[in-house]
């Protein structure tokens, strides 16, 4: 049971880390896309 609980905790922490990185990635992609659009508009 202890191993199962540890695995579950690791899985949850991994999911949190993944969603956190994914949101950061989406944020940076959106930011880069925004700056690209602004630069294209200026040009």
Protein backbone atom coordinates (compact mmCIF):
# COMPACT_ATOMS: atom_id res chain seq x y z
CA UNK A 1 0.00 0.00 0.00
CA UNK A 2 2.89 2.35 0.82
CA UNK A 3 4.36 1.95 -2.68
CA UNK A 4 0.95 2.62 -4.23
CA UNK A 5 0.56 5.82 -2.17
CA UNK A 6 4.08 6.97 -3.12
CA UNK A 7 3.34 6.27 -6.78
CA UNK A 8 0.07 8.22 -6.53
CA UNK A 9 1.87 11.15 -4.87
CA UNK A 10 4.60 11.10 -7.51
CA UNK A 11 1.98 10.97 -10.26
CA UNK A 12 0.08 13.94 -8.78
CA UNK A 13 3.26 16.00 -8.35
CA UNK A 14 4.30 15.10 -11.91
CA UNK A 15 0.88 16.19 -13.23
CA UNK A 16 1.16 19.48 -11.31
CA UNK A 17 4.69 20.03 -12.67
CA UNK A 18 3.52 19.19 -16.20
CA UNK A 19 0.50 21.53 -16.11
CA UNK A 20 2.66 24.26 -14.57
CA UNK A 21 5.29 23.92 -17.33
CA UNK A 22 2.56 23.68 -19.97
CA UNK A 23 0.93 26.93 -18.78
CA UNK A 24 4.35 28.62 -18.76
CA UNK A 25 5.02 27.32 -22.27
CA UNK A 26 1.62 28.54 -23.50
CA UNK A 27 2.28 31.90 -21.85
CA UNK A 28 5.66 32.31 -23.57
CA UNK A 29 4.31 31.15 -26.94
CA UNK A 30 1.45 33.65 -26.61
CA UNK A 31 3.87 36.40 -25.61
CA UNK A 32 6.18 35.63 -28.55
CA UNK A 33 3.21 35.53 -30.91
CA UNK A 34 2.03 38.89 -29.56
CA UNK A 35 5.43 40.52 -30.06
CA UNK A 36 5.70 39.00 -33.54
CA UNK A 37 2.30 40.48 -34.43
CA UNK A 38 3.32 43.88 -33.04
CA UNK A 39 6.60 43.83 -34.97
CA UNK A 40 4.80 42.82 -38.17
CA UNK A 41 2.31 45.66 -37.61
CA UNK A 42 5.09 48.20 -37.03
CA UNK A 43 6.83 47.06 -40.21
